[in-house]
Amino acid sequence: MDTATPVPLPLWKRIADFPLAALAIALGLTIAIVLVTSLPGPQMTRLLGPGLAQPIGVAVLIALLVVMQKTVMRRLGERKHDDLPLAGAARGLATGTIAAFVLFGLIVAVAALLGAYRIAGWGGMTSWVFLLFAAGVGAGFVEEFIFRGILFRWIEEFAGSWAALGLTSALFGLVHIANPGASLFSSFAIAVEAGLMLGGAYMLTRSLWLPIGIHFGWNVTQGLVWDVPVSGNEVDGLVDAQRVGDPLVTGGSFGLEASVIALVIAGAFGVWLVWRAAQAGEVMAPRWVRRRAAAQSA
C-alpha cells in the first residue's frame, strides 16, 4: 500500500489558486495590458488615421489578451481551464453572430410592427470603422474577456453559478449607466438582456467564443445594419432609421436595448440559455459546498 503523504503546494501557489486571488491577478494583468496598449493610440491615429489605427490597436490588444489567457489565466484557480480553446472557435463565433443577427432583427421587426421603428432611406455607413472594430470586435472580445472570462469565472468558482450570474449581470448593467442617454431602466435592461444572454452562453459552452460572437453580432447588427444607437452611441448605419413613440418601446436615445421589446425577447433568450446550461449540468455549487461534499465523500 502506498502511504506517502502528498507534498503540500507552496504558499504562493495556494494563494494564486484561491478563486478571488486568481480573479484579482487576472484582472490586474488585463487592466495593465489595456492601459499599455492604449498609450500609443493618439500617436497612431495621427500617423495612420482612424481607419487603420483603430483596427491595428484592437488586433494588438486582443493578441496580448489571448497570449495571457494561454500562458497565465488557464493555470490560475482551482479549476484549470482555457476559455479560448482553438477547437470550436470558428463555430462559436459564427453561431453567436448569427444568433444575435436574428435576435436583433426580431426586435426591430416587433418595433416596426408597433410603429416605433421605420426606415427613411439608405444611410451613409460613416460609422463602419467604429462599429466593426470598437463596438464590434473590440467591445465583444475585451468585455467578454473581463466580465465572463475573469469576473464570472472566478466568482462562480468561489460563490457558485447563480451568484456569478447575478453579480456579473448587475455589474454589466451598472457600467453602462454613464453612456449617453442612459437611465436606471436602461442599465436594468442591459443587466437582464446581456447579463443572462452572455452569462448563459458562457455557462453552456464553458468557452468565451459563443458570448464573444453574440456580443459582436448584437452591436454590429443594431448599429451597422439597423442604424440603432449602440448603448447610447449614435451611429450611421446601412439604413437611415427613425424611432418614434414611447421611450419604453423605442428605448429613447439609448437605443432599442432600453426598450421593453428587447427586454422581453433578449431576456427570454437568455433565460433559455441558462436553462440549457442547467439541463446540461453546468451549474456550479459554491466552493464551500463543494468542499464539504468532497470531505463527506472522503
Protein backbone atom coordinates (compact mmCIF):
# COMPACT_ATOMS: atom_id res chain seq x y z
CA MET A 1 0.00 0.00 0.00
CA ASP A 2 1.26 3.46 -0.93
CA THR A 3 1.03 5.58 2.21
CA ALA A 4 3.14 8.50 1.01
CA THR A 5 1.83 11.85 2.19
CA PRO A 6 1.07 14.27 -0.65
CA VAL A 7 3.52 17.15 -0.82
CA PRO A 8 1.68 20.38 0.09
CA LEU A 9 1.65 23.12 -2.52
CA PRO A 10 3.84 26.19 -1.91
CA LEU A 11 2.09 29.09 -0.18
CA TRP A 12 2.26 31.32 -3.28
CA LYS A 13 0.58 28.59 -5.34
CA ARG A 14 -2.21 28.12 -2.81
CA ILE A 15 -2.81 31.87 -2.79
CA ALA A 16 -2.85 32.07 -6.61
CA ASP A 17 -5.25 29.12 -6.79
CA PHE A 18 -7.78 30.72 -4.43
CA PRO A 19 -10.61 31.93 -6.73
CA LEU A 20 -10.76 35.55 -5.57
CA ALA A 21 -6.95 35.86 -5.67
CA ALA A 22 -6.96 34.41 -9.20
CA LEU A 23 -9.62 36.96 -10.13
CA ALA A 24 -7.51 39.83 -8.77
CA ILE A 25 -4.37 38.64 -10.57
CA ALA A 26 -6.13 38.18 -13.91
CA LEU A 27 -7.98 41.49 -13.65
CA GLY A 28 -4.80 43.37 -12.72
CA LEU A 29 -2.88 41.92 -15.67
CA THR A 30 -5.75 42.69 -18.05
CA ILE A 31 -6.02 46.30 -16.89
CA ALA A 32 -2.26 46.69 -17.30
CA ILE A 33 -2.40 45.35 -20.87
CA VAL A 34 -5.34 47.61 -21.77
CA LEU A 35 -3.56 50.67 -20.38
CA VAL A 36 -0.23 49.91 -22.07
CA THR A 37 -1.81 49.26 -25.46
CA SER A 38 -3.88 52.46 -25.23
CA LEU A 39 -0.85 54.73 -24.72
CA PRO A 40 0.29 54.93 -28.37
CA GLY A 41 -3.32 55.35 -29.58
CA PRO A 42 -3.28 59.12 -30.24
CA GLN A 43 0.10 58.94 -32.00
CA MET A 44 -1.06 56.03 -34.17
CA THR A 45 -4.25 57.88 -35.08
CA ARG A 46 -2.28 60.95 -36.17
CA LEU A 47 0.18 58.82 -38.12
CA LEU A 48 -2.13 56.26 -39.72
CA GLY A 49 -5.59 57.80 -39.45
CA PRO A 50 -8.51 56.27 -37.50
CA GLY A 51 -9.42 53.92 -40.34
CA LEU A 52 -6.17 52.00 -39.88
CA ALA A 53 -5.08 52.85 -36.34
CA GLN A 54 -8.23 51.52 -34.67
CA PRO A 55 -8.14 48.02 -36.28
CA ILE A 56 -4.41 47.69 -35.53
CA GLY A 57 -4.88 48.77 -31.93
CA VAL A 58 -7.75 46.32 -31.41
CA ALA A 59 -5.76 43.49 -33.02
CA VAL A 60 -2.71 44.10 -30.80
CA LEU A 61 -4.84 44.26 -27.65
CA ILE A 62 -6.68 41.03 -28.48
CA ALA A 63 -3.43 39.25 -29.35
CA LEU A 64 -1.89 40.17 -25.99
CA LEU A 65 -5.02 39.07 -24.09
CA VAL A 66 -5.02 35.72 -25.93
CA VAL A 67 -1.35 35.21 -25.02
CA MET A 68 -2.16 36.00 -21.38
CA GLN A 69 -5.04 33.51 -21.44
CA LYS A 70 -2.84 30.78 -22.88
CA THR A 71 0.17 31.38 -20.64
CA VAL A 72 -1.24 32.63 -17.32
CA MET A 73 -5.00 32.54 -16.89
CA ARG A 74 -5.52 28.90 -17.80
CA ARG A 75 -3.16 28.00 -14.97
CA LEU A 76 -4.89 30.12 -12.32
CA GLY A 77 -7.56 28.99 -9.87
CA GLU A 78 -8.50 25.60 -8.53
CA ARG A 79 -10.23 24.50 -11.73
CA LYS A 80 -7.66 24.91 -14.52
CA HIS A 81 -9.36 25.84 -17.76
CA ASP A 82 -8.68 27.53 -21.11
CA ASP A 83 -11.59 29.82 -22.01
CA LEU A 84 -10.28 30.39 -25.55
CA PRO A 85 -9.71 26.89 -26.98
CA LEU A 86 -8.85 26.88 -30.66
CA ALA A 87 -11.14 23.92 -31.23
CA GLY A 88 -14.64 25.22 -31.78
CA ALA A 89 -13.61 28.88 -32.03
CA ALA A 90 -14.97 29.46 -35.55
CA ARG A 91 -18.19 27.62 -34.78
CA GLY A 92 -18.78 29.52 -31.54
CA LEU A 93 -18.13 32.90 -33.14
CA ALA A 94 -20.32 32.15 -36.17
CA THR A 95 -23.16 30.70 -34.09
CA GLY A 96 -23.14 33.67 -31.73
CA THR A 97 -23.02 36.23 -34.54
CA ILE A 98 -25.89 34.61 -36.45
CA ALA A 99 -27.98 34.22 -33.28
CA ALA A 100 -27.51 37.91 -32.43
CA PHE A 101 -28.35 38.94 -36.01
CA VAL A 102 -31.62 37.01 -35.91
CA LEU A 103 -32.44 38.13 -32.37
CA PHE A 104 -31.98 41.83 -33.01
CA GLY A 105 -33.72 41.53 -36.35
CA LEU A 106 -36.73 40.14 -34.45
CA ILE A 107 -36.57 43.07 -32.01
CA VAL A 108 -36.54 45.57 -34.90
CA ALA A 109 -39.41 43.72 -36.61
CA VAL A 110 -41.59 43.93 -33.48
CA ALA A 111 -40.72 47.62 -33.07
CA ALA A 112 -41.68 48.22 -36.72
CA LEU A 113 -45.00 46.40 -36.29
CA LEU A 114 -45.75 48.62 -33.31
CA GLY A 115 -44.95 51.73 -35.37
CA ALA A 116 -41.88 52.57 -33.26
CA TYR A 117 -39.27 51.94 -35.97
CA ARG A 118 -39.25 52.92 -39.62
CA ILE A 119 -36.67 53.18 -42.39
CA ALA A 120 -36.46 56.57 -44.12
CA GLY A 121 -33.85 55.61 -46.71
CA TRP A 122 -30.25 54.49 -47.10
CA GLY A 123 -27.62 55.52 -44.56
CA GLY A 124 -24.09 56.71 -45.16
CA MET A 125 -22.31 53.97 -43.13
CA THR A 126 -19.81 56.54 -41.90
CA SER A 127 -19.63 54.71 -38.54
CA TRP A 128 -18.46 51.39 -40.00
CA VAL A 129 -14.93 51.53 -38.53
CA PHE A 130 -16.23 52.27 -35.03
CA LEU A 131 -18.98 49.65 -35.30
CA LEU A 132 -16.82 46.86 -36.66
CA PHE A 133 -13.68 47.38 -34.60
CA ALA A 134 -14.51 49.38 -31.45
CA ALA A 135 -18.12 48.43 -30.71
CA GLY A 136 -17.86 45.10 -32.53
CA VAL A 137 -14.58 43.19 -32.31
CA GLY A 138 -13.03 45.28 -29.52
CA ALA A 139 -16.01 45.50 -27.16
CA GLY A 140 -17.14 41.97 -27.99
CA PHE A 141 -13.78 40.42 -27.13
CA VAL A 142 -12.49 42.65 -24.32
CA GLU A 143 -15.74 42.99 -22.41
CA GLU A 144 -16.39 39.25 -22.56
CA PHE A 145 -12.79 38.53 -21.60
CA ILE A 146 -13.27 40.65 -18.46
CA PHE A 147 -16.89 40.01 -17.49
CA ARG A 148 -17.27 36.34 -18.36
CA GLY A 149 -13.63 35.19 -18.63
CA ILE A 150 -12.50 36.77 -15.35
CA LEU A 151 -15.34 38.02 -13.17
CA PHE A 152 -17.91 35.31 -13.93
CA ARG A 153 -15.34 32.52 -13.96
CA TRP A 154 -13.86 33.12 -10.53
CA ILE A 155 -16.93 34.45 -8.78
CA GLU A 156 -18.58 31.22 -9.91
CA GLU A 157 -15.63 29.17 -8.67
CA PHE A 158 -15.95 30.86 -5.27
CA ALA A 159 -19.67 31.54 -4.76
CA GLY A 160 -21.36 29.36 -7.39
CA SER A 161 -23.07 29.88 -10.73
CA TRP A 162 -26.14 31.78 -9.51
CA ALA A 163 -24.08 34.32 -7.59
CA ALA A 164 -21.78 34.79 -10.59
CA LEU A 165 -24.73 35.23 -12.94
CA GLY A 166 -26.45 37.76 -10.68
CA LEU A 167 -23.37 39.80 -9.79
CA THR A 168 -21.88 40.00 -13.30
CA SER A 169 -25.27 40.84 -14.82
CA ALA A 170 -25.81 43.67 -12.33
CA LEU A 171 -22.27 44.96 -12.81
CA PHE A 172 -22.55 44.81 -16.61
CA GLY A 173 -25.69 46.91 -16.45
CA LEU A 174 -24.09 49.32 -13.99
CA VAL A 175 -21.03 50.06 -16.17
CA HIS A 176 -23.38 51.28 -18.91
CA ILE A 177 -25.01 53.88 -16.65
CA ALA A 178 -22.56 56.58 -17.82
CA ASN A 179 -23.32 56.01 -21.52
CA PRO A 180 -25.16 58.75 -23.48
CA GLY A 181 -28.90 58.62 -22.86
CA ALA A 182 -28.54 56.03 -20.09
CA SER A 183 -31.01 55.67 -17.23
CA LEU A 184 -31.68 53.27 -14.40
CA PHE A 185 -34.08 51.41 -16.68
CA SER A 186 -31.52 51.10 -19.49
CA SER A 187 -28.97 49.66 -17.04
CA PHE A 188 -31.60 47.25 -15.72
CA ALA A 189 -32.42 46.22 -19.30
CA ILE A 190 -28.75 45.66 -20.15
CA ALA A 191 -28.31 43.61 -16.96
CA VAL A 192 -31.24 41.35 -17.85
CA GLU A 193 -30.67 41.11 -21.61
CA ALA A 194 -26.89 40.92 -21.86
CA GLY A 195 -26.24 39.53 -18.39
CA LEU A 196 -28.45 36.48 -18.84
CA MET A 197 -27.69 36.00 -22.53
CA LEU A 198 -23.89 36.24 -22.31
CA GLY A 199 -23.61 34.58 -18.91
CA GLY A 200 -25.85 31.74 -20.09
CA ALA A 201 -23.78 31.32 -23.27
CA TYR A 202 -20.61 31.04 -21.18
CA MET A 203 -22.17 28.57 -18.74
CA LEU A 204 -23.47 26.40 -21.56
CA THR A 205 -20.23 26.18 -23.55
CA ARG A 206 -17.54 26.88 -20.92
CA SER A 207 -15.84 28.93 -23.63
CA LEU A 208 -15.75 32.63 -24.46
CA TRP A 209 -16.26 32.17 -28.20
CA LEU A 210 -20.06 31.96 -28.16
CA PRO A 211 -20.57 35.02 -25.91
CA ILE A 212 -17.98 36.97 -27.94
CA GLY A 213 -19.88 36.08 -31.14
CA ILE A 214 -23.20 37.14 -29.59
CA HIS A 215 -21.75 40.41 -28.27
CA PHE A 216 -20.11 41.23 -31.61
CA GLY A 217 -23.20 40.33 -33.63
CA TRP A 218 -25.53 42.24 -31.31
CA ASN A 219 -23.58 45.51 -31.53
CA VAL A 220 -22.84 45.33 -35.25
CA THR A 221 -26.38 44.29 -36.20
CA GLN A 222 -28.13 47.03 -34.26
CA GLY A 223 -25.72 49.75 -35.37
CA LEU A 224 -24.36 48.89 -38.80
CA VAL A 225 -27.43 47.11 -40.17
CA TRP A 226 -30.42 48.78 -38.47
CA ASP A 227 -28.99 52.22 -37.61
CA VAL A 228 -29.93 51.93 -33.92
CA PRO A 229 -27.76 53.65 -31.27
CA VAL A 230 -25.35 51.17 -29.67
CA SER A 231 -25.81 51.56 -25.92
CA GLY A 232 -26.49 55.28 -26.40
CA ASN A 233 -23.78 55.90 -29.01
CA GLU A 234 -25.28 57.43 -32.15
CA VAL A 235 -24.24 55.69 -35.38
CA ASP A 236 -24.70 55.95 -39.13
CA GLY A 237 -25.60 52.55 -40.48
CA LEU A 238 -26.65 50.84 -43.69
CA VAL A 239 -30.10 52.43 -43.50
CA ASP A 240 -31.37 55.75 -42.17
CA ALA A 241 -33.82 54.73 -39.45
CA GLN A 242 -36.16 56.67 -37.21
CA ARG A 243 -37.65 55.58 -33.88
CA VAL A 244 -40.84 57.29 -32.77
CA GLY A 245 -43.17 56.91 -29.83
CA ASP A 246 -42.96 55.99 -26.17
CA PRO A 247 -39.35 55.60 -24.94
CA LEU A 248 -40.37 52.34 -23.26
CA VAL A 249 -40.96 50.98 -26.77
CA THR A 250 -38.23 52.83 -28.68
CA GLY A 251 -35.61 52.82 -25.94
CA GLY A 252 -35.26 56.59 -26.24
CA SER A 253 -31.86 57.99 -27.12
CA PHE A 254 -30.15 54.94 -25.63
CA GLY A 255 -31.50 52.69 -28.38
CA LEU A 256 -33.70 49.63 -28.62
CA GLU A 257 -31.62 47.88 -25.97
CA ALA A 258 -33.50 50.02 -23.43
CA SER A 259 -36.93 49.03 -24.77
CA VAL A 260 -39.39 46.58 -23.27
CA ILE A 261 -39.25 44.76 -26.62
CA ALA A 262 -35.57 43.89 -26.23
CA LEU A 263 -36.05 43.25 -22.51
CA VAL A 264 -38.65 40.56 -23.23
CA ILE A 265 -37.11 38.98 -26.35
CA ALA A 266 -33.43 39.02 -25.38
CA GLY A 267 -34.28 38.30 -21.74
CA ALA A 268 -36.25 35.21 -22.79
CA PHE A 269 -33.37 34.02 -24.96
CA GLY A 270 -31.01 34.50 -22.02
CA VAL A 271 -33.29 32.51 -19.72
CA TRP A 272 -33.37 29.74 -22.32
CA LEU A 273 -29.56 29.62 -22.48
CA VAL A 274 -29.30 29.48 -18.68
CA TRP A 275 -31.94 26.73 -18.62
CA ARG A 276 -29.97 24.79 -21.26
CA ALA A 277 -26.84 25.13 -19.15
CA ALA A 278 -28.66 23.90 -16.06
CA GLN A 279 -30.04 20.92 -18.01
CA ALA A 280 -26.51 20.11 -19.16
CA GLY A 281 -25.26 20.05 -15.55
CA GLU A 282 -23.23 23.25 -15.91
CA VAL A 283 -24.42 24.84 -12.66
CA MET A 284 -21.60 25.03 -10.10
CA ALA A 285 -22.24 24.96 -6.35
CA PRO A 286 -20.36 27.44 -4.10
CA ARG A 287 -16.82 26.49 -3.16
CA TRP A 288 -17.68 25.76 0.47
CA VAL A 289 -20.50 23.43 -0.58
CA ARG A 290 -18.22 21.55 -2.98
CA ARG A 291 -15.51 21.21 -0.34
CA ARG A 292 -17.99 19.99 2.28
CA ALA A 293 -19.39 17.42 -0.17
CA ALA A 294 -15.86 16.26 -1.05
CA ALA A 295 -14.96 15.89 2.64
CA GLN A 296 -18.09 13.87 3.34
CA SER A 297 -17.49 11.55 0.40
CA ALA A 298 -13.89 11.03 1.51
